[in-house]
Amino acid sequence: MKWIIGLLTVLALAVVVRLVSRLPGEDAIRLAGYAGTAAFAALVGFLLRWRARQPGQQRNRRAG
């Protein structure tokens, strides 16, 4: 299942790169900046959720 998600991600990235390459220079830079900001926000959100889940799992191991 994880490899399917990875494959779809790579495919989506290839489509985005292809579309951005057809834009004029300034628009491409602006769109890449928006995409980079969104990707960074998604990464931070993922890391925060992952870190919040970790201590709960450790407590369950000790109690069990």
PDB file of N, CA and C in Angstrom:
ATOM      1  N   MET A   1       0.820  -1.194   0.000  1.00  0.00           N
ATOM      2  CA  MET A   1       0.000   0.000   0.000  1.00  0.00           C
ATOM      3  C   MET A   1       0.865   1.260   0.000  1.00  0.00           C
ATOM      4  N   LYS A   2       1.941   1.250   0.789  1.00  0.00           N
ATOM      5  CA  LYS A   2       2.801   2.431   0.860  1.00  0.00           C
ATOM      6  C   LYS A   2       3.479   2.708  -0.477  1.00  0.00           C
ATOM      7  N   TRP A   3       3.837   1.661  -1.212  1.00  0.00           N
ATOM      8  CA  TRP A   3       4.516   1.886  -2.482  1.00  0.00           C
ATOM      9  C   TRP A   3       3.559   2.460  -3.514  1.00  0.00           C
ATOM     10  N   ILE A   4       2.261   2.147  -3.401  1.00  0.00           N
ATOM     11  CA  ILE A   4       1.278   2.730  -4.315  1.00  0.00           C
ATOM     12  C   ILE A   4       1.165   4.233  -4.068  1.00  0.00           C
ATOM     13  N   ILE A   5       1.135   4.626  -2.808  1.00  0.00           N
ATOM     14  CA  ILE A   5       1.073   6.051  -2.464  1.00  0.00           C
ATOM     15  C   ILE A   5       2.328   6.754  -2.953  1.00  0.00           C
ATOM     16  N   GLY A   6       3.479   6.139  -2.776  1.00  0.00           N
ATOM     17  CA  GLY A   6       4.731   6.719  -3.258  1.00  0.00           C
ATOM     18  C   GLY A   6       4.741   6.870  -4.773  1.00  0.00           C
ATOM     19  N   LEU A   7       4.230   5.855  -5.472  1.00  0.00           N
ATOM     20  CA  LEU A   7       4.172   5.910  -6.930  1.00  0.00           C
ATOM     21  C   LEU A   7       3.237   7.023  -7.402  1.00  0.00           C
ATOM     22  N   LEU A   8       2.083   7.148  -6.758  1.00  0.00           N
ATOM     23  CA  LEU A   8       1.153   8.223  -7.112  1.00  0.00           C
ATOM     24  C   LEU A   8       1.743   9.596  -6.819  1.00  0.00           C
ATOM     25  N   THR A   9       2.507   9.700  -5.746  1.00  0.00           N
ATOM     26  CA  THR A   9       3.153  10.967  -5.407  1.00  0.00           C
ATOM     27  C   THR A   9       4.180  11.351  -6.464  1.00  0.00           C
ATOM     28  N   VAL A  10       4.982  10.392  -6.880  1.00  0.00           N
ATOM     29  CA  VAL A  10       5.987  10.669  -7.910  1.00  0.00           C
ATOM     30  C   VAL A  10       5.310  11.039  -9.230  1.00  0.00           C
ATOM     31  N   LEU A  11       4.229  10.359  -9.562  1.00  0.00           N
ATOM     32  CA  LEU A  11       3.488  10.673 -10.788  1.00  0.00           C
ATOM     33  C   LEU A  11       2.902  12.086 -10.734  1.00  0.00           C
ATOM     34  N   ALA A  12       2.315  12.445  -9.599  1.00  0.00           N
ATOM     35  CA  ALA A  12       1.757  13.791  -9.437  1.00  0.00           C
ATOM     36  C   ALA A  12       2.863  14.842  -9.519  1.00  0.00           C
ATOM     37  N   LEU A  13       4.007  14.561  -8.922  1.00  0.00           N
ATOM     38  CA  LEU A  13       5.128  15.493  -8.979  1.00  0.00           C
ATOM     39  C   LEU A  13       5.614  15.685 -10.417  1.00  0.00           C
ATOM     40  N   ALA A  14       5.654  14.604 -11.184  1.00  0.00           N
ATOM     41  CA  ALA A  14       6.069  14.705 -12.586  1.00  0.00           C
ATOM     42  C   ALA A  14       5.088  15.558 -13.389  1.00  0.00           C
ATOM     43  N   VAL A  15       3.805  15.405 -13.126  1.00  0.00           N
ATOM     44  CA  VAL A  15       2.796  16.211 -13.827  1.00  0.00           C
ATOM     45  C   VAL A  15       2.948  17.674 -13.462  1.00  0.00           C
ATOM     46  N   VAL A  16       3.159  17.970 -12.183  1.00  0.00           N
ATOM     47  CA  VAL A  16       3.318  19.354 -11.742  1.00  0.00           C
ATOM     48  C   VAL A  16       4.565  19.970 -12.364  1.00  0.00           C
ATOM     49  N   VAL A  17       5.661  19.239 -12.387  1.00  0.00           N
ATOM     50  CA  VAL A  17       6.897  19.757 -12.990  1.00  0.00           C
ATOM     51  C   VAL A  17       6.682  20.037 -14.468  1.00  0.00           C
ATOM     52  N   ARG A  18       5.975  19.163 -15.145  1.00  0.00           N
ATOM     53  CA  ARG A  18       5.698  19.361 -16.572  1.00  0.00           C
ATOM     54  C   ARG A  18       4.849  20.613 -16.801  1.00  0.00           C
ATOM     55  N   LEU A  19       3.837  20.817 -15.959  1.00  0.00           N
ATOM     56  CA  LEU A  19       2.980  21.994 -16.110  1.00  0.00           C
ATOM     57  C   LEU A  19       3.728  23.278 -15.771  1.00  0.00           C
ATOM     58  N   VAL A  20       4.546  23.250 -14.721  1.00  0.00           N
ATOM     59  CA  VAL A  20       5.295  24.441 -14.319  1.00  0.00           C
ATOM     60  C   VAL A  20       6.328  24.803 -15.377  1.00  0.00           C
ATOM     61  N   SER A  21       6.888  23.813 -16.031  1.00  0.00           N
ATOM     62  CA  SER A  21       7.911  24.105 -17.041  1.00  0.00           C
ATOM     63  C   SER A  21       7.339  24.851 -18.246  1.00  0.00           C
ATOM     64  N   ARG A  22       6.044  24.789 -18.439  1.00  0.00           N
ATOM     65  CA  ARG A  22       5.417  25.481 -19.566  1.00  0.00           C
ATOM     66  C   ARG A  22       5.032  26.917 -19.223  1.00  0.00           C
ATOM     67  N   LEU A  23       5.095  27.300 -17.959  1.00  0.00           N
ATOM     68  CA  LEU A  23       4.721  28.652 -17.551  1.00  0.00           C
ATOM     69  C   LEU A  23       5.860  29.632 -17.840  1.00  0.00           C
ATOM     70  N   PRO A  24       5.509  30.919 -17.986  1.00  0.00           N
ATOM     71  CA  PRO A  24       6.570  31.939 -18.074  1.00  0.00           C
ATOM     72  C   PRO A  24       7.373  31.982 -16.775  1.00  0.00           C
ATOM     73  N   GLY A  25       8.568  32.531 -16.823  1.00  0.00           N
ATOM     74  CA  GLY A  25       9.497  32.495 -15.696  1.00  0.00           C
ATOM     75  C   GLY A  25       8.934  32.980 -14.369  1.00  0.00           C
ATOM     76  N   GLU A  26       8.334  34.168 -14.351  1.00  0.00           N
ATOM     77  CA  GLU A  26       7.858  34.730 -13.082  1.00  0.00           C
ATOM     78  C   GLU A  26       6.705  33.915 -12.498  1.00  0.00           C
ATOM     79  N   ASP A  27       5.793  33.454 -13.351  1.00  0.00           N
ATOM     80  CA  ASP A  27       4.675  32.640 -12.873  1.00  0.00           C
ATOM     81  C   ASP A  27       5.163  31.297 -12.333  1.00  0.00           C
ATOM     82  N   ALA A  28       6.160  30.725 -12.990  1.00  0.00           N
ATOM     83  CA  ALA A  28       6.701  29.446 -12.531  1.00  0.00           C
ATOM     84  C   ALA A  28       7.346  29.594 -11.167  1.00  0.00           C
ATOM     85  N   ILE A  29       8.086  30.690 -10.975  1.00  0.00           N
ATOM     86  CA  ILE A  29       8.734  30.920  -9.683  1.00  0.00           C
ATOM     87  C   ILE A  29       7.684  31.109  -8.593  1.00  0.00           C
ATOM     88  N   ARG A  30       6.631  31.867  -8.896  1.00  0.00           N
ATOM     89  CA  ARG A  30       5.572  32.101  -7.918  1.00  0.00           C
ATOM     90  C   ARG A  30       4.866  30.794  -7.555  1.00  0.00           C
ATOM     91  N   LEU A  31       4.515  30.007  -8.555  1.00  0.00           N
ATOM     92  CA  LEU A  31       3.830  28.740  -8.305  1.00  0.00           C
ATOM     93  C   LEU A  31       4.723  27.768  -7.531  1.00  0.00           C
ATOM     94  N   ALA A  32       6.004  27.738  -7.868  1.00  0.00           N
ATOM     95  CA  ALA A  32       6.935  26.870  -7.135  1.00  0.00           C
ATOM     96  C   ALA A  32       7.055  27.312  -5.682  1.00  0.00           C
ATOM     97  N   GLY A  33       7.017  28.617  -5.442  1.00  0.00           N
ATOM     98  CA  GLY A  33       7.051  29.112  -4.068  1.00  0.00           C
ATOM     99  C   GLY A  33       5.822  28.696  -3.279  1.00  0.00           C
ATOM    100  N   TYR A  34       4.650  28.801  -3.912  1.00  0.00           N
ATOM    101  CA  TYR A  34       3.413  28.363  -3.247  1.00  0.00           C
ATOM    102  C   TYR A  34       3.449  26.865  -2.956  1.00  0.00           C
ATOM    103  N   ALA A  35       3.908  26.095  -3.937  1.00  0.00           N
ATOM    104  CA  ALA A  35       3.974  24.646  -3.759  1.00  0.00           C
ATOM    105  C   ALA A  35       4.973  24.270  -2.670  1.00  0.00           C
ATOM    106  N   GLY A  36       6.109  24.966  -2.633  1.00  0.00           N
ATOM    107  CA  GLY A  36       7.097  24.693  -1.588  1.00  0.00           C
ATOM    108  C   GLY A  36       6.567  25.032  -0.209  1.00  0.00           C
ATOM    109  N   THR A  37       5.845  26.141  -0.097  1.00  0.00           N
ATOM    110  CA  THR A  37       5.257  26.521   1.183  1.00  0.00           C
ATOM    111  C   THR A  37       4.225  25.491   1.634  1.00  0.00           C
ATOM    112  N   ALA A  38       3.378  25.047   0.708  1.00  0.00           N
ATOM    113  CA  ALA A  38       2.366  24.046   1.041  1.00  0.00           C
ATOM    114  C   ALA A  38       3.006  22.721   1.444  1.00  0.00           C
ATOM    115  N   ALA A  39       4.066  22.322   0.747  1.00  0.00           N
ATOM    116  CA  ALA A  39       4.754  21.077   1.082  1.00  0.00           C
ATOM    117  C   ALA A  39       5.412  21.173   2.460  1.00  0.00           C
ATOM    118  N   PHE A  40       5.998  22.325   2.762  1.00  0.00           N
ATOM    119  CA  PHE A  40       6.622  22.513   4.068  1.00  0.00           C
ATOM    120  C   PHE A  40       5.571  22.468   5.178  1.00  0.00           C
ATOM    121  N   ALA A  41       4.424  23.109   4.957  1.00  0.00           N
ATOM    122  CA  ALA A  41       3.351  23.091   5.953  1.00  0.00           C
ATOM    123  C   ALA A  41       2.827  21.671   6.156  1.00  0.00           C
ATOM    124  N   ALA A  42       2.702  20.904   5.082  1.00  0.00           N
ATOM    125  CA  ALA A  42       2.246  19.522   5.205  1.00  0.00           C
ATOM    126  C   ALA A  42       3.256  18.680   5.973  1.00  0.00           C
ATOM    127  N   LEU A  43       4.539  18.903   5.718  1.00  0.00           N
ATOM    128  CA  LEU A  43       5.579  18.161   6.432  1.00  0.00           C
ATOM    129  C   LEU A  43       5.568  18.489   7.915  1.00  0.00           C
ATOM    130  N   VAL A  44       5.454  19.763   8.258  1.00  0.00           N
ATOM    131  CA  VAL A  44       5.404  20.159   9.667  1.00  0.00           C
ATOM    132  C   VAL A  44       4.172  19.566  10.342  1.00  0.00           C
ATOM    133  N   GLY A  45       3.024  19.618   9.672  1.00  0.00           N
ATOM    134  CA  GLY A  45       1.808  19.024  10.229  1.00  0.00           C
ATOM    135  C   GLY A  45       1.958  17.530  10.462  1.00  0.00           C
ATOM    136  N   PHE A  46       2.569  16.838   9.492  1.00  0.00           N
ATOM    137  CA  PHE A  46       2.800  15.403   9.642  1.00  0.00           C
ATOM    138  C   PHE A  46       3.718  15.112  10.819  1.00  0.00           C
ATOM    139  N   LEU A  47       4.796  15.878  10.942  1.00  0.00           N
ATOM    140  CA  LEU A  47       5.744  15.654  12.044  1.00  0.00           C
ATOM    141  C   LEU A  47       5.105  15.935  13.397  1.00  0.00           C
ATOM    142  N   LEU A  48       4.283  16.977  13.475  1.00  0.00           N
ATOM    143  CA  LEU A  48       3.610  17.280  14.745  1.00  0.00           C
ATOM    144  C   LEU A  48       2.634  16.172  15.136  1.00  0.00           C
ATOM    145  N   ARG A  49       1.877  15.663  14.162  1.00  0.00           N
ATOM    146  CA  ARG A  49       0.955  14.557  14.471  1.00  0.00           C
ATOM    147  C   ARG A  49       1.719  13.305  14.857  1.00  0.00           C
ATOM    148  N   TRP A  50       2.840  13.044  14.189  1.00  0.00           N
ATOM    149  CA  TRP A  50       3.640  11.859  14.489  1.00  0.00           C
ATOM    150  C   TRP A  50       4.235  11.943  15.889  1.00  0.00           C
ATOM    151  N   ARG A  51       4.754  13.134  16.251  1.00  0.00           N
ATOM    152  CA  ARG A  51       5.338  13.310  17.579  1.00  0.00           C
ATOM    153  C   ARG A  51       4.270  13.235  18.662  1.00  0.00           C
ATOM    154  N   ALA A  52       3.076  13.731  18.388  1.00  0.00           N
ATOM    155  CA  ALA A  52       2.003  13.689  19.377  1.00  0.00           C
ATOM    156  C   ALA A  52       1.544  12.248  19.608  1.00  0.00           C
ATOM    157  N   ARG A  53       1.664  11.406  18.616  1.00  0.00           N
ATOM    158  CA  ARG A  53       1.225  10.019  18.739  1.00  0.00           C
ATOM    159  C   ARG A  53       2.259   9.162  19.461  1.00  0.00           C
ATOM    160  N   GLN A  54       3.520   9.504  19.390  1.00  0.00           N
ATOM    161  CA  GLN A  54       4.590   8.688  19.960  1.00  0.00           C
ATOM    162  C   GLN A  54       4.495   8.502  21.476  1.00  0.00           C
ATOM    163  N   PRO A  55       4.346   9.554  22.291  1.00  0.00           N
ATOM    164  CA  PRO A  55       4.309   9.325  23.740  1.00  0.00           C
ATOM    165  C   PRO A  55       3.143   8.439  24.175  1.00  0.00           C
ATOM    166  N   GLY A  56       2.010   8.538  23.512  1.00  0.00           N
ATOM    167  CA  GLY A  56       0.873   7.688  23.849  1.00  0.00           C
ATOM    168  C   GLY A  56       1.166   6.228  23.619  1.00  0.00           C
ATOM    169  N   GLN A  57       1.868   5.911  22.566  1.00  0.00           N
ATOM    170  CA  GLN A  57       2.224   4.530  22.297  1.00  0.00           C
ATOM    171  C   GLN A  57       3.220   4.012  23.323  1.00  0.00           C
ATOM    172  N   GLN A  58       4.136   4.855  23.772  1.00  0.00           N
ATOM    173  CA  GLN A  58       5.110   4.429  24.770  1.00  0.00           C
ATOM    174  C   GLN A  58       4.425   4.158  26.098  1.00  0.00           C
ATOM    175  N   ARG A  59       3.451   4.988  26.480  1.00  0.00           N
ATOM    176  CA  ARG A  59       2.721   4.766  27.732  1.00  0.00           C
ATOM    177  C   ARG A  59       1.965   3.448  27.676  1.00  0.00           C
ATOM    178  N   ASN A  60       1.388   3.114  26.540  1.00  0.00           N
ATOM    179  CA  ASN A  60       0.646   1.862  26.421  1.00  0.00           C
ATOM    180  C   ASN A  60       1.577   0.661  26.563  1.00  0.00           C
ATOM    181  N   ARG A  61       2.784   0.780  26.082  1.00  0.00           N
ATOM    182  CA  ARG A  61       3.737  -0.328  26.222  1.00  0.00           C
ATOM    183  C   ARG A  61       4.102  -0.541  27.685  1.00  0.00           C
ATOM    184  N   ARG A  62       4.303   0.527  28.434  1.00  0.00           N
ATOM    185  CA  ARG A  62       4.664   0.398  29.850  1.00  0.00           C
ATOM    186  C   ARG A  62       3.510  -0.189  30.661  1.00  0.00           C
ATOM    187  N   ALA A  63       2.301   0.256  30.367  1.00  0.00           N
ATOM    188  CA  ALA A  63       1.147  -0.198  31.141  1.00  0.00           C
ATOM    189  C   ALA A  63       0.807  -1.647  30.809  1.00  0.00           C
ATOM    190  N   GLY A  64       1.101  -2.061  29.574  1.00  0.00           N
ATOM    191  CA  GLY A  64       0.687  -3.399  29.129  1.00  0.00           C
ATOM    192  C   GLY A  64       1.620  -4.420  29.649  1.00  0.00           C
TER     193      GLY A  64
END
